[in-house]
Amino acid sequence: MDRAIEIVELALQRFGPPVYVRHEIVHNRHVVDSLRAKGAVFVDDPADAPPGSLLIYSAHGVSPAVREAAERQGLRTIDATCPLVTKVHVEAQRFDREETEIVLIGHAGHVEVEGTMGHAPERMRLVETVADAEALEVEDPDRLAVLTQTTLSVDDTREILEVLRRRFPAIRLPRKDDICYATQNRQNAVKQVARDADLVLVVGAPESSNSNRLVELARKEGVPGHLVQDADDIDPAWLAGADCVAVTAGASAPEVLVEQVVERLRELAPDGAAVETLPVVDEGVVFQLPASLRG
């Protein structure tokens, strides 16, 4: 997510505004508003960008149809698609060439899901729930593969995968590294802090799939969880009886918003409240910028 934001900022510096962005670059209102103030224009249809202008594809990825529409419009393009999403697109195309039916685990209407399904629309079936997996009908159980929305986690998909494995023993399962490591690490952290916390606050946007999953996970662990977009969303009533409040954030939430939430909690807490930061996981992954923005 940070890479996608950096791409838009660098494009604005190098080419000047306006720079058009297909869909919100990430699902975070503060990030989008900040980029809009600098000259980014967010559009859903490439036809909304003037011919010859610069269009950036968001981190969620796009379908081949969107790329073709941009080409027809005569747009210059920069691809800010998350490389993990691109890898899933490549796998979808490979399965399509092999004439393998594809089950995509994800959320209907999510922009990443729409982009992925566009890479093999005739062969791909969307499954959202265990019930969907139980009801799924396929053409050939021996030629079947699974892909997942990258902002899910292993935990999110485990029950669905178990149903698919039971019903279709020959199914080809997704690679573990198809899952966004940032999503999984955050979910692991919520499980850890939920052991001691009386309340979990997740800094993120309502449209953010991975942020919503963190709230759900906290509640599943038996701890009240709330999604806040910024410090102003904190309801002091949530803190009643809470001796320990854990704060985490979705993958696209800027660090400054997390810091503001922590500061607001300091203001609301009794004197002497302490803030403890858990060790940060070194994810050890760095993705290159597009060639047109390097250097």
Protein backbone atom coordinates (compact mmCIF):
# COMPACT_ATOMS: atom_id res chain seq x y z
CA MET A 1 0.00 0.00 0.00
CA ASP A 2 2.84 2.41 0.84
CA ARG A 3 4.34 1.65 -2.58
CA ALA A 4 1.12 2.67 -4.37
CA ILE A 5 0.90 5.94 -2.46
CA GLU A 6 4.57 6.68 -3.21
CA ILE A 7 3.93 6.05 -6.91
CA VAL A 8 1.19 8.69 -7.05
CA GLU A 9 3.26 11.21 -5.11
CA LEU A 10 6.31 10.66 -7.34
CA ALA A 11 4.18 10.93 -10.48
CA LEU A 12 2.79 14.26 -9.28
CA GLN A 13 6.31 15.53 -8.61
CA ARG A 14 7.76 14.29 -11.89
CA PHE A 15 4.93 14.98 -14.33
CA GLY A 16 2.92 17.63 -12.47
CA PRO A 17 -0.82 17.69 -11.79
CA PRO A 18 -3.30 16.59 -12.75
CA VAL A 19 -2.52 12.90 -12.49
CA TYR A 20 -5.50 10.60 -12.91
CA VAL A 21 -5.88 7.51 -10.72
CA ARG A 22 -8.18 4.63 -11.57
CA HIS A 23 -10.23 4.06 -8.40
CA GLU A 24 -9.00 5.17 -4.97
CA ILE A 25 -5.30 4.32 -4.84
CA VAL A 26 -5.88 2.67 -1.44
CA HIS A 27 -8.97 2.41 0.73
CA ASN A 28 -8.27 5.27 3.11
CA ARG A 29 -10.10 8.58 3.04
CA HIS A 30 -7.25 10.58 4.57
CA VAL A 31 -4.73 9.30 2.02
CA VAL A 32 -7.10 9.94 -0.88
CA ASP A 33 -7.98 13.45 0.32
CA SER A 34 -4.29 14.30 0.76
CA LEU A 35 -3.43 13.14 -2.76
CA ARG A 36 -6.47 14.91 -4.20
CA ALA A 37 -5.25 18.15 -2.63
CA LYS A 38 -1.91 17.68 -4.39
CA GLY A 39 -3.54 17.23 -7.80
CA ALA A 40 -4.61 13.59 -8.08
CA VAL A 41 -7.96 13.02 -9.78
CA PHE A 42 -9.71 9.75 -9.00
CA VAL A 43 -11.85 8.15 -11.73
CA ASP A 44 -13.57 4.80 -12.13
CA ASP A 45 -13.64 4.82 -15.93
CA PRO A 46 -10.55 5.57 -18.06
CA ALA A 47 -12.91 7.47 -20.38
CA ASP A 48 -13.18 10.11 -17.63
CA ALA A 49 -9.50 11.01 -18.11
CA PRO A 50 -8.69 13.35 -21.03
CA PRO A 51 -6.92 11.73 -24.01
CA GLY A 52 -3.14 11.83 -23.60
CA SER A 53 -3.25 12.29 -19.83
CA LEU A 54 -1.51 10.11 -17.25
CA LEU A 55 -3.53 7.34 -15.56
CA ILE A 56 -2.29 5.29 -12.60
CA TYR A 57 -3.81 1.91 -11.81
CA SER A 58 -4.55 1.49 -8.11
CA ALA A 59 -2.92 -1.06 -5.78
CA HIS A 60 -5.97 -3.32 -6.13
CA GLY A 61 -5.25 -4.10 -9.78
CA VAL A 62 -7.43 -3.88 -12.88
CA SER A 63 -8.88 -6.22 -15.46
CA PRO A 64 -7.61 -6.45 -19.05
CA ALA A 65 -10.79 -4.63 -20.10
CA VAL A 66 -9.74 -1.55 -18.10
CA ARG A 67 -6.28 -1.60 -19.68
CA GLU A 68 -7.86 -1.83 -23.14
CA ALA A 69 -10.16 1.09 -22.33
CA ALA A 70 -7.15 3.19 -21.28
CA GLU A 71 -5.38 2.32 -24.52
CA ARG A 72 -8.43 3.33 -26.57
CA GLN A 73 -8.47 6.64 -24.71
CA GLY A 74 -4.83 7.22 -25.63
CA LEU A 75 -3.72 7.44 -22.01
CA ARG A 76 -0.21 7.12 -20.66
CA THR A 77 -0.31 4.64 -17.79
CA ILE A 78 1.65 3.70 -14.69
CA ASP A 79 0.83 0.46 -12.93
CA ALA A 80 0.69 0.70 -9.12
CA THR A 81 -0.89 -2.75 -8.76
CA CYS A 82 0.45 -4.57 -5.70
CA PRO A 83 2.89 -7.22 -6.99
CA LEU A 84 1.08 -9.83 -4.88
CA VAL A 85 -2.13 -9.05 -6.79
CA THR A 86 -0.25 -9.19 -10.09
CA LYS A 87 1.00 -12.66 -9.16
CA VAL A 88 -2.59 -13.84 -8.66
CA HIS A 89 -3.53 -12.36 -12.05
CA VAL A 90 -0.69 -14.32 -13.67
CA GLU A 91 -1.89 -17.52 -12.00
CA ALA A 92 -5.46 -16.86 -13.22
CA GLN A 93 -4.21 -16.46 -16.78
CA ARG A 94 -2.17 -19.68 -16.49
CA PHE A 95 -5.17 -21.67 -15.25
CA ASP A 96 -7.26 -20.16 -18.03
CA ARG A 97 -4.75 -21.32 -20.66
CA GLU A 98 -4.80 -24.79 -19.10
CA GLU A 99 -8.61 -24.81 -19.33
CA THR A 100 -8.86 -25.20 -15.55
CA GLU A 101 -11.95 -23.89 -13.76
CA ILE A 102 -11.06 -21.37 -11.04
CA VAL A 103 -12.67 -20.80 -7.65
CA LEU A 104 -11.90 -17.31 -6.32
CA ILE A 105 -12.38 -16.81 -2.58
CA GLY A 106 -13.16 -13.14 -1.95
CA HIS A 107 -15.75 -10.46 -1.39
CA ALA A 108 -18.21 -9.59 -4.16
CA GLY A 109 -17.89 -6.00 -5.33
CA HIS A 110 -14.38 -5.49 -3.95
CA VAL A 111 -12.27 -3.77 -6.58
CA GLU A 112 -9.47 -6.36 -6.30
CA VAL A 113 -11.95 -9.18 -6.89
CA GLU A 114 -13.41 -7.42 -9.92
CA GLY A 115 -9.94 -7.01 -11.41
CA THR A 116 -8.93 -10.61 -10.78
CA MET A 117 -12.15 -12.04 -12.20
CA GLY A 118 -11.59 -10.00 -15.33
CA HIS A 119 -8.51 -12.10 -16.15
CA ALA A 120 -10.53 -15.28 -16.66
CA PRO A 121 -14.21 -14.30 -16.61
CA GLU A 122 -15.46 -17.42 -18.36
CA ARG A 123 -13.70 -19.84 -16.00
CA MET A 124 -13.87 -18.11 -12.61
CA ARG A 125 -16.47 -18.65 -9.87
CA LEU A 126 -16.62 -16.41 -6.77
CA VAL A 127 -17.05 -18.03 -3.36
CA GLU A 128 -17.56 -15.78 -0.32
CA THR A 129 -18.70 -18.15 2.43
CA VAL A 130 -18.67 -21.76 3.60
CA ALA A 131 -22.28 -22.01 2.39
CA ASP A 132 -21.17 -20.90 -1.08
CA ALA A 133 -18.49 -23.60 -1.07
CA GLU A 134 -21.00 -26.25 -0.04
CA ALA A 135 -23.37 -25.25 -2.84
CA LEU A 136 -20.73 -24.84 -5.55
CA GLU A 137 -21.26 -26.81 -8.75
CA VAL A 138 -18.36 -27.26 -11.17
CA GLU A 139 -17.98 -28.70 -14.65
CA ASP A 140 -15.02 -31.00 -13.96
CA PRO A 141 -13.89 -31.68 -10.36
CA ASP A 142 -10.57 -32.98 -11.68
CA ARG A 143 -9.72 -29.66 -13.38
CA LEU A 144 -10.25 -27.18 -10.58
CA ALA A 145 -8.03 -24.61 -8.83
CA VAL A 146 -8.40 -22.01 -6.08
CA LEU A 147 -7.22 -18.41 -5.89
CA THR A 148 -7.87 -15.91 -3.12
CA GLN A 149 -8.28 -12.20 -2.68
CA THR A 150 -4.88 -11.17 -1.31
CA THR A 151 -6.27 -9.12 1.59
CA LEU A 152 -7.84 -12.17 3.16
CA SER A 153 -5.75 -14.32 5.45
CA VAL A 154 -5.11 -17.99 5.96
CA ASP A 155 -7.56 -17.86 8.88
CA ASP A 156 -10.22 -16.17 6.75
CA THR A 157 -10.09 -18.87 4.12
CA ARG A 158 -9.36 -22.00 6.16
CA GLU A 159 -12.96 -23.19 6.62
CA ILE A 160 -13.81 -22.52 2.98
CA LEU A 161 -10.72 -24.39 1.80
CA GLU A 162 -11.57 -27.33 4.03
CA VAL A 163 -15.01 -27.59 2.39
CA LEU A 164 -13.53 -27.34 -1.09
CA ARG A 165 -10.91 -30.01 -0.30
CA ARG A 166 -13.58 -32.36 1.05
CA ARG A 167 -15.91 -31.88 -1.91
CA PHE A 168 -13.24 -31.78 -4.62
CA PRO A 169 -10.19 -33.85 -3.54
CA ALA A 170 -8.25 -33.08 -6.73
CA ILE A 171 -8.57 -29.30 -6.37
CA ARG A 172 -5.33 -27.29 -6.71
CA LEU A 173 -4.95 -25.10 -3.63
CA PRO A 174 -3.61 -21.53 -3.56
CA ARG A 175 0.01 -20.91 -2.70
CA LYS A 176 0.52 -19.58 0.82
CA ASP A 177 2.46 -16.60 -0.50
CA ASP A 178 -0.59 -15.44 -2.48
CA ILE A 179 -1.84 -13.96 0.80
CA CYS A 180 -0.69 -10.44 1.62
CA TYR A 181 1.96 -10.78 4.32
CA ALA A 182 0.92 -7.40 5.80
CA THR A 183 -2.64 -8.65 6.27
CA GLN A 184 -1.54 -11.89 7.90
CA ASN A 185 0.98 -10.20 10.19
CA ARG A 186 -1.64 -7.74 11.43
CA GLN A 187 -4.09 -10.54 12.15
CA ASN A 188 -1.42 -12.45 14.07
CA ALA A 189 -0.76 -9.30 16.10
CA VAL A 190 -4.45 -8.87 16.96
CA LYS A 191 -4.58 -12.45 18.22
CA GLN A 192 -1.58 -11.71 20.41
CA VAL A 193 -2.82 -8.46 21.94
CA ALA A 194 -6.37 -9.78 22.42
CA ARG A 195 -5.02 -12.00 25.22
CA ASP A 196 -4.48 -8.94 27.43
CA ALA A 197 -6.60 -6.16 25.92
CA ASP A 198 -10.06 -5.11 27.06
CA LEU A 199 -10.69 -3.20 23.82
CA VAL A 200 -9.17 -3.22 20.32
CA LEU A 201 -9.27 -0.16 18.06
CA VAL A 202 -8.44 -0.61 14.39
CA VAL A 203 -7.41 2.49 12.44
CA GLY A 204 -8.73 2.07 8.91
CA ALA A 205 -11.46 2.82 6.41
CA PRO A 206 -14.91 1.22 6.20
CA GLU A 207 -14.08 0.21 2.60
CA SER A 208 -10.86 -1.53 3.66
CA SER A 209 -11.28 -5.31 3.58
CA ASN A 210 -8.23 -6.04 5.74
CA SER A 211 -9.24 -3.42 8.35
CA ASN A 212 -12.70 -4.91 8.73
CA ARG A 213 -11.21 -8.38 9.13
CA LEU A 214 -9.11 -7.11 12.05
CA VAL A 215 -12.22 -5.85 13.85
CA GLU A 216 -13.99 -9.15 13.22
CA LEU A 217 -10.99 -11.09 14.51
CA ALA A 218 -10.81 -9.08 17.75
CA ARG A 219 -14.48 -9.79 18.39
CA LYS A 220 -14.00 -13.45 17.55
CA GLU A 221 -11.26 -13.53 20.19
CA GLY A 222 -13.83 -12.24 22.71
CA VAL A 223 -12.66 -8.61 22.86
CA PRO A 224 -14.78 -5.58 21.84
CA GLY A 225 -13.39 -4.16 18.60
CA HIS A 226 -14.16 -0.92 16.75
CA LEU A 227 -13.05 0.57 13.43
CA VAL A 228 -11.98 4.23 13.61
CA GLN A 229 -10.92 6.36 10.66
CA ASP A 230 -9.19 8.88 12.92
CA ALA A 231 -8.99 10.08 16.52
CA ASP A 232 -12.32 11.90 16.26
CA ASP A 233 -14.14 8.58 15.83
CA ILE A 234 -13.22 7.35 19.31
CA ASP A 235 -16.26 7.13 21.56
CA PRO A 236 -15.17 7.72 25.18
CA ALA A 237 -17.93 5.34 26.28
CA TRP A 238 -15.96 2.47 24.76
CA LEU A 239 -13.23 3.03 27.35
CA ALA A 240 -15.45 2.48 30.37
CA GLY A 241 -13.96 -0.36 32.38
CA ALA A 242 -11.12 -0.89 29.90
CA ASP A 243 -7.74 -1.08 31.62
CA CYS A 244 -5.86 -2.05 28.45
CA VAL A 245 -6.65 -0.71 24.97
CA ALA A 246 -4.86 -2.18 21.95
CA VAL A 247 -4.42 -0.11 18.78
CA THR A 248 -3.64 -1.56 15.37
CA ALA A 249 -4.22 -0.41 11.80
CA GLY A 250 -5.17 -1.62 8.36
CA ALA A 251 -2.46 -1.93 5.74
CA SER A 252 -3.28 1.42 4.10
CA ALA A 253 -3.62 3.55 7.25
CA PRO A 254 -0.90 6.24 7.55
CA GLU A 255 1.23 6.08 10.68
CA VAL A 256 0.27 9.66 11.58
CA LEU A 257 -3.36 8.59 12.09
CA VAL A 258 -2.27 5.82 14.44
CA GLU A 259 -0.19 8.31 16.41
CA GLN A 260 -3.15 10.67 16.66
CA VAL A 261 -5.39 7.87 17.93
CA VAL A 262 -2.83 6.96 20.59
CA GLU A 263 -2.54 10.61 21.63
CA ARG A 264 -6.34 10.89 21.93
CA LEU A 265 -6.37 7.81 24.14
CA ARG A 266 -3.72 9.46 26.33
CA GLU A 267 -6.02 12.46 26.74
CA LEU A 268 -8.98 10.29 27.68
CA ALA A 269 -7.04 7.99 30.03
CA PRO A 270 -6.44 8.62 33.73
CA ASP A 271 -3.15 10.23 34.68
CA GLY A 272 -0.27 7.78 34.61
CA ALA A 273 -1.52 5.69 31.71
CA ALA A 274 1.38 4.02 29.91
CA VAL A 275 1.84 3.28 26.21
CA GLU A 276 3.65 0.10 25.23
CA THR A 277 4.73 -0.65 21.65
CA LEU A 278 5.03 -4.29 20.70
CA PRO A 279 8.03 -5.42 18.62
CA VAL A 280 7.60 -4.70 14.93
CA VAL A 281 7.73 -7.64 12.52
CA ASP A 282 10.46 -7.19 9.92
CA GLU A 283 8.58 -8.21 6.80
CA GLY A 284 11.77 -8.09 4.76
CA VAL A 285 9.98 -7.42 1.48
CA VAL A 286 10.62 -4.44 -0.79
CA PHE A 287 8.95 -4.07 -4.18
CA GLN A 288 10.51 -1.97 -6.93
CA LEU A 289 8.87 1.14 -8.27
CA PRO A 290 7.73 1.18 -11.92
CA ALA A 291 10.62 1.84 -14.31
CA SER A 292 9.29 5.27 -15.30
CA LEU A 293 9.62 6.49 -11.69
CA ARG A 294 12.97 5.03 -10.70
CA GLY A 295 15.99 7.22 -10.18
